[in-house]
């Protein structure tokens, strides 16, 4: 086994839209793991109150409901949130179902909230959807979404499309894919 060079941090964000320059993170979950054992090292999960009301389409996708966010003590982004997130990110490689999307929103949050700089991270992205590509090409899954890979591997329940549940599901799918590719 090669020397471990960096941890993986599985991240998922729920947002008010698709553009990190205009839209906001309303939920963020991150779990940092050892890439060899998959042992959890730390986690971060918060709900954030958006400054504007998301569209009905967005609410349907990510379950945003202002009353539920208030009840769950959602906060506005602050320096403290960024400071709490930094240790999970520092030196790790982003991993997730679509890590480029998640990273773009997190980078935008660091730039917008400031003055805390985004910590240095490994430049690699571990995209679980890409790892499932051979299953799609072979016709074993009908699409690249987390929903399809969850079903293929027999993971229980429905995909909730909430940040923490999606991170946990993505880790479970990643572990199953690594077991499959070891064969």
C-alpha atoms as a PDB file:
ATOM      1  CA  UNK A   1       0.000   0.000   0.000  1.00  0.00           C
ATOM      2  CA  UNK A   2       1.346   3.407  -0.933  1.00  0.00           C
ATOM      3  CA  UNK A   3       1.933   6.035   1.685  1.00  0.00           C
ATOM      4  CA  UNK A   4      -1.132   8.084   2.421  1.00  0.00           C
ATOM      5  CA  UNK A   5      -0.625  11.542   1.002  1.00  0.00           C
ATOM      6  CA  UNK A   6      -3.959  13.169   1.846  1.00  0.00           C
ATOM      7  CA  UNK A   7      -7.312  12.498   3.426  1.00  0.00           C
ATOM      8  CA  UNK A   8     -10.571  12.641   1.500  1.00  0.00           C
ATOM      9  CA  UNK A   9     -13.268  15.108   2.473  1.00  0.00           C
ATOM     10  CA  UNK A  10     -16.665  14.106   1.124  1.00  0.00           C
ATOM     11  CA  UNK A  11     -18.742  17.242   0.673  1.00  0.00           C
ATOM     12  CA  UNK A  12     -22.267  18.060  -0.407  1.00  0.00           C
ATOM     13  CA  UNK A  13     -24.022  21.393  -0.592  1.00  0.00           C
ATOM     14  CA  UNK A  14     -27.659  22.251  -1.125  1.00  0.00           C
ATOM     15  CA  UNK A  15     -28.063  25.621  -2.777  1.00  0.00           C
ATOM     16  CA  UNK A  16     -30.582  28.221  -3.901  1.00  0.00           C
ATOM     17  CA  UNK A  17     -29.567  27.597  -7.535  1.00  0.00           C
ATOM     18  CA  UNK A  18     -26.757  26.469  -9.811  1.00  0.00           C
ATOM     19  CA  UNK A  19     -24.590  29.597 -10.068  1.00  0.00           C
ATOM     20  CA  UNK A  20     -22.020  30.057  -7.270  1.00  0.00           C
ATOM     21  CA  UNK A  21     -21.636  33.721  -8.246  1.00  0.00           C
ATOM     22  CA  UNK A  22     -25.321  34.475  -7.526  1.00  0.00           C
ATOM     23  CA  UNK A  23     -26.783  31.616  -5.511  1.00  0.00           C
ATOM     24  CA  UNK A  24     -26.174  30.614  -1.915  1.00  0.00           C
ATOM     25  CA  UNK A  25     -25.404  27.506   0.094  1.00  0.00           C
ATOM     26  CA  UNK A  26     -28.347  26.670   2.325  1.00  0.00           C
ATOM     27  CA  UNK A  27     -26.953  23.411   3.690  1.00  0.00           C
ATOM     28  CA  UNK A  28     -23.395  22.095   3.849  1.00  0.00           C
ATOM     29  CA  UNK A  29     -22.106  18.753   5.051  1.00  0.00           C
ATOM     30  CA  UNK A  30     -18.524  17.513   5.022  1.00  0.00           C
ATOM     31  CA  UNK A  31     -17.029  14.316   6.398  1.00  0.00           C
ATOM     32  CA  UNK A  32     -13.250  13.878   6.415  1.00  0.00           C
ATOM     33  CA  UNK A  33     -12.042  10.277   6.187  1.00  0.00           C
ATOM     34  CA  UNK A  34      -8.820   8.321   6.045  1.00  0.00           C
ATOM     35  CA  UNK A  35      -8.639   7.110   2.419  1.00  0.00           C
ATOM     36  CA  UNK A  36      -7.258   3.668   3.340  1.00  0.00           C
ATOM     37  CA  UNK A  37      -9.566   2.724   6.203  1.00  0.00           C
ATOM     38  CA  UNK A  38     -12.470   5.092   5.478  1.00  0.00           C
ATOM     39  CA  UNK A  39     -12.500   5.854   9.209  1.00  0.00           C
ATOM     40  CA  UNK A  40     -14.239   9.148   9.904  1.00  0.00           C
ATOM     41  CA  UNK A  41     -11.923  11.797  11.304  1.00  0.00           C
ATOM     42  CA  UNK A  42     -14.309  14.734  11.591  1.00  0.00           C
ATOM     43  CA  UNK A  43     -17.564  16.156  10.286  1.00  0.00           C
ATOM     44  CA  UNK A  44     -19.298  19.466   9.697  1.00  0.00           C
ATOM     45  CA  UNK A  45     -23.008  20.019   9.087  1.00  0.00           C
ATOM     46  CA  UNK A  46     -24.932  23.289   9.114  1.00  0.00           C
ATOM     47  CA  UNK A  47     -28.039  24.861   7.673  1.00  0.00           C
ATOM     48  CA  UNK A  48     -27.714  28.419   6.395  1.00  0.00           C
ATOM     49  CA  UNK A  49     -30.514  30.922   6.003  1.00  0.00           C
ATOM     50  CA  UNK A  50     -30.546  32.341   2.478  1.00  0.00           C
ATOM     51  CA  UNK A  51     -30.851  36.060   1.913  1.00  0.00           C
ATOM     52  CA  UNK A  52     -33.592  35.498  -0.673  1.00  0.00           C
ATOM     53  CA  UNK A  53     -36.391  32.985  -1.138  1.00  0.00           C
ATOM     54  CA  UNK A  54     -35.393  30.116  -3.461  1.00  0.00           C
ATOM     55  CA  UNK A  55     -37.653  29.195  -6.363  1.00  0.00           C
ATOM     56  CA  UNK A  56     -40.360  26.568  -5.908  1.00  0.00           C
ATOM     57  CA  UNK A  57     -38.336  24.242  -8.155  1.00  0.00           C
ATOM     58  CA  UNK A  58     -35.283  24.569  -5.903  1.00  0.00           C
ATOM     59  CA  UNK A  59     -37.403  24.014  -2.783  1.00  0.00           C
ATOM     60  CA  UNK A  60     -38.820  20.843  -4.306  1.00  0.00           C
ATOM     61  CA  UNK A  61     -35.331  19.491  -5.001  1.00  0.00           C
ATOM     62  CA  UNK A  62     -33.622  20.267  -1.698  1.00  0.00           C
ATOM     63  CA  UNK A  63     -36.558  20.467   0.707  1.00  0.00           C
ATOM     64  CA  UNK A  64     -35.982  24.075   1.749  1.00  0.00           C
ATOM     65  CA  UNK A  65     -38.741  25.369   3.967  1.00  0.00           C
ATOM     66  CA  UNK A  66     -38.026  28.623   5.803  1.00  0.00           C
ATOM     67  CA  UNK A  67     -39.992  27.537   8.898  1.00  0.00           C
ATOM     68  CA  UNK A  68     -38.040  24.263   9.117  1.00  0.00           C
ATOM     69  CA  UNK A  69     -34.752  26.113   8.667  1.00  0.00           C
ATOM     70  CA  UNK A  70     -35.708  28.541  11.467  1.00  0.00           C
ATOM     71  CA  UNK A  71     -36.754  25.606  13.675  1.00  0.00           C
ATOM     72  CA  UNK A  72     -33.415  23.914  12.935  1.00  0.00           C
ATOM     73  CA  UNK A  73     -31.609  27.103  13.966  1.00  0.00           C
ATOM     74  CA  UNK A  74     -30.212  27.874  10.513  1.00  0.00           C
ATOM     75  CA  UNK A  75     -27.656  30.670  10.623  1.00  0.00           C
ATOM     76  CA  UNK A  76     -26.273  33.277   8.283  1.00  0.00           C
ATOM     77  CA  UNK A  77     -22.748  32.562   7.047  1.00  0.00           C
ATOM     78  CA  UNK A  78     -20.102  34.009   9.333  1.00  0.00           C
ATOM     79  CA  UNK A  79     -16.352  33.933   9.709  1.00  0.00           C
ATOM     80  CA  UNK A  80     -16.830  31.373  12.487  1.00  0.00           C
ATOM     81  CA  UNK A  81     -18.485  28.917  10.080  1.00  0.00           C
ATOM     82  CA  UNK A  82     -15.508  29.209   7.729  1.00  0.00           C
ATOM     83  CA  UNK A  83     -13.068  28.793  10.627  1.00  0.00           C
ATOM     84  CA  UNK A  84     -14.945  25.647  11.719  1.00  0.00           C
ATOM     85  CA  UNK A  85     -14.854  24.252   8.175  1.00  0.00           C
ATOM     86  CA  UNK A  86     -11.145  24.948   7.523  1.00  0.00           C
ATOM     87  CA  UNK A  87      -9.689  21.987   9.508  1.00  0.00           C
ATOM     88  CA  UNK A  88     -11.854  19.536   7.556  1.00  0.00           C
ATOM     89  CA  UNK A  89     -10.700  20.907   4.213  1.00  0.00           C
ATOM     90  CA  UNK A  90      -7.033  21.644   4.871  1.00  0.00           C
ATOM     91  CA  UNK A  91      -4.710  19.298   2.970  1.00  0.00           C
ATOM     92  CA  UNK A  92      -7.534  16.969   1.901  1.00  0.00           C
ATOM     93  CA  UNK A  93      -8.850  16.160  -1.558  1.00  0.00           C
ATOM     94  CA  UNK A  94     -12.476  16.984  -2.347  1.00  0.00           C
ATOM     95  CA  UNK A  95     -14.662  13.930  -2.891  1.00  0.00           C
ATOM     96  CA  UNK A  96     -18.335  13.626  -3.676  1.00  0.00           C
ATOM     97  CA  UNK A  97     -21.004  12.921  -6.226  1.00  0.00           C
ATOM     98  CA  UNK A  98     -20.186  16.131  -8.102  1.00  0.00           C
ATOM     99  CA  UNK A  99     -17.271  17.640  -6.195  1.00  0.00           C
ATOM    100  CA  UNK A 100     -16.518  20.381  -8.735  1.00  0.00           C
ATOM    101  CA  UNK A 101     -19.985  21.872  -8.105  1.00  0.00           C
ATOM    102  CA  UNK A 102     -19.600  21.677  -4.327  1.00  0.00           C
ATOM    103  CA  UNK A 103     -16.080  23.111  -4.378  1.00  0.00           C
ATOM    104  CA  UNK A 104     -17.168  26.054  -6.547  1.00  0.00           C
ATOM    105  CA  UNK A 105     -19.852  27.023  -4.004  1.00  0.00           C
ATOM    106  CA  UNK A 106     -17.510  26.622  -1.046  1.00  0.00           C
ATOM    107  CA  UNK A 107     -14.856  28.750  -2.760  1.00  0.00           C
ATOM    108  CA  UNK A 108     -17.521  31.408  -3.425  1.00  0.00           C
ATOM    109  CA  UNK A 109     -18.573  31.323   0.251  1.00  0.00           C
ATOM    110  CA  UNK A 110     -14.976  31.917   1.361  1.00  0.00           C
ATOM    111  CA  UNK A 111     -14.671  34.815  -1.085  1.00  0.00           C
ATOM    112  CA  UNK A 112     -18.029  36.345  -0.143  1.00  0.00           C
ATOM    113  CA  UNK A 113     -17.888  35.974   3.648  1.00  0.00           C
ATOM    114  CA  UNK A 114     -14.132  36.561   4.073  1.00  0.00           C
ATOM    115  CA  UNK A 115     -11.676  37.438   5.503  1.00  0.00           C
ATOM    116  CA  UNK A 116     -10.832  33.780   6.229  1.00  0.00           C
ATOM    117  CA  UNK A 117      -8.994  32.334   3.218  1.00  0.00           C
ATOM    118  CA  UNK A 118      -9.897  28.913   1.894  1.00  0.00           C
ATOM    119  CA  UNK A 119      -7.270  26.518   3.235  1.00  0.00           C
ATOM    120  CA  UNK A 120      -4.819  24.836   0.887  1.00  0.00           C
ATOM    121  CA  UNK A 121      -6.145  21.516  -0.363  1.00  0.00           C
ATOM    122  CA  UNK A 122      -4.894  18.754  -2.573  1.00  0.00           C
ATOM    123  CA  UNK A 123      -5.806  19.573  -6.174  1.00  0.00           C
ATOM    124  CA  UNK A 124      -7.382  16.169  -6.931  1.00  0.00           C
ATOM    125  CA  UNK A 125     -11.133  15.678  -7.120  1.00  0.00           C
ATOM    126  CA  UNK A 126     -12.584  12.246  -6.414  1.00  0.00           C
ATOM    127  CA  UNK A 127     -15.858  12.127  -8.334  1.00  0.00           C
ATOM    128  CA  UNK A 128     -17.929   9.113  -7.310  1.00  0.00           C
ATOM    129  CA  UNK A 129     -20.165   9.484 -10.375  1.00  0.00           C
ATOM    130  CA  UNK A 130     -17.097   9.110 -12.605  1.00  0.00           C
ATOM    131  CA  UNK A 131     -16.062   6.011 -10.687  1.00  0.00           C
ATOM    132  CA  UNK A 132     -19.497   4.554 -11.517  1.00  0.00           C
ATOM    133  CA  UNK A 133     -19.114   5.319 -15.244  1.00  0.00           C
ATOM    134  CA  UNK A 134     -18.242   1.681 -16.171  1.00  0.00           C
ATOM    135  CA  UNK A 135     -21.515   0.537 -14.577  1.00  0.00           C
ATOM    136  CA  UNK A 136     -23.418   3.021 -16.729  1.00  0.00           C
ATOM    137  CA  UNK A 137     -21.588   2.071 -19.941  1.00  0.00           C
ATOM    138  CA  UNK A 138     -22.240  -1.618 -19.211  1.00  0.00           C
ATOM    139  CA  UNK A 139     -25.960  -0.862 -18.855  1.00  0.00           C
ATOM    140  CA  UNK A 140     -26.022  -1.841 -15.186  1.00  0.00           C
ATOM    141  CA  UNK A 141     -27.316   1.557 -14.061  1.00  0.00           C
ATOM    142  CA  UNK A 142     -29.618   3.830 -16.102  1.00  0.00           C
ATOM    143  CA  UNK A 143     -27.835   7.071 -15.166  1.00  0.00           C
ATOM    144  CA  UNK A 144     -24.966   8.569 -13.229  1.00  0.00           C
ATOM    145  CA  UNK A 145     -26.970   9.975 -10.316  1.00  0.00           C
ATOM    146  CA  UNK A 146     -26.483   8.939  -6.713  1.00  0.00           C
ATOM    147  CA  UNK A 147     -30.017   7.549  -6.800  1.00  0.00           C
ATOM    148  CA  UNK A 148     -29.011   4.969  -9.418  1.00  0.00           C
ATOM    149  CA  UNK A 149     -25.763   3.870  -7.778  1.00  0.00           C
ATOM    150  CA  UNK A 150     -27.496   3.617  -4.386  1.00  0.00           C
ATOM    151  CA  UNK A 151     -30.086   1.328  -5.932  1.00  0.00           C
ATOM    152  CA  UNK A 152     -27.467  -0.769  -7.750  1.00  0.00           C
ATOM    153  CA  UNK A 153     -25.638  -1.449  -4.494  1.00  0.00           C
ATOM    154  CA  UNK A 154     -28.854  -2.150  -2.571  1.00  0.00           C
ATOM    155  CA  UNK A 155     -28.583   0.730  -0.139  1.00  0.00           C
ATOM    156  CA  UNK A 156     -31.753   0.980   1.917  1.00  0.00           C
ATOM    157  CA  UNK A 157     -34.372   3.713   1.673  1.00  0.00           C
ATOM    158  CA  UNK A 158     -34.829   6.570  -0.736  1.00  0.00           C
ATOM    159  CA  UNK A 159     -32.282   9.261  -1.445  1.00  0.00           C
ATOM    160  CA  UNK A 160     -33.232  12.217   0.767  1.00  0.00           C
ATOM    161  CA  UNK A 161     -31.339  14.863  -1.237  1.00  0.00           C
ATOM    162  CA  UNK A 162     -30.165  16.598   1.909  1.00  0.00           C
ATOM    163  CA  UNK A 163     -26.491  17.411   2.350  1.00  0.00           C
ATOM    164  CA  UNK A 164     -25.584  15.144   5.279  1.00  0.00           C
ATOM    165  CA  UNK A 165     -27.599  12.170   4.002  1.00  0.00           C
ATOM    166  CA  UNK A 166     -26.073  12.600   0.539  1.00  0.00           C
ATOM    167  CA  UNK A 167     -22.525  12.698   1.951  1.00  0.00           C
ATOM    168  CA  UNK A 168     -23.171   9.532   3.957  1.00  0.00           C
ATOM    169  CA  UNK A 169     -24.726   7.836   0.895  1.00  0.00           C
ATOM    170  CA  UNK A 170     -21.834   8.961  -1.323  1.00  0.00           C
ATOM    171  CA  UNK A 171     -19.316   7.472   1.112  1.00  0.00           C
ATOM    172  CA  UNK A 172     -21.281   4.195   1.165  1.00  0.00           C
ATOM    173  CA  UNK A 173     -21.362   4.084  -2.653  1.00  0.00           C
ATOM    174  CA  UNK A 174     -17.643   4.948  -2.835  1.00  0.00           C
ATOM    175  CA  UNK A 175     -16.817   2.048  -0.486  1.00  0.00           C
ATOM    176  CA  UNK A 176     -18.935  -0.335  -2.607  1.00  0.00           C
ATOM    177  CA  UNK A 177     -17.268   0.874  -5.809  1.00  0.00           C
ATOM    178  CA  UNK A 178     -13.796   0.404  -4.334  1.00  0.00           C
ATOM    179  CA  UNK A 179     -14.759  -3.147  -3.300  1.00  0.00           C
ATOM    180  CA  UNK A 180     -16.069  -3.799  -6.807  1.00  0.00           C
ATOM    181  CA  UNK A 181     -12.971  -2.442  -8.527  1.00  0.00           C
ATOM    182  CA  UNK A 182     -10.671  -4.475  -6.221  1.00  0.00           C
ATOM    183  CA  UNK A 183     -12.162  -7.603  -7.783  1.00  0.00           C
END
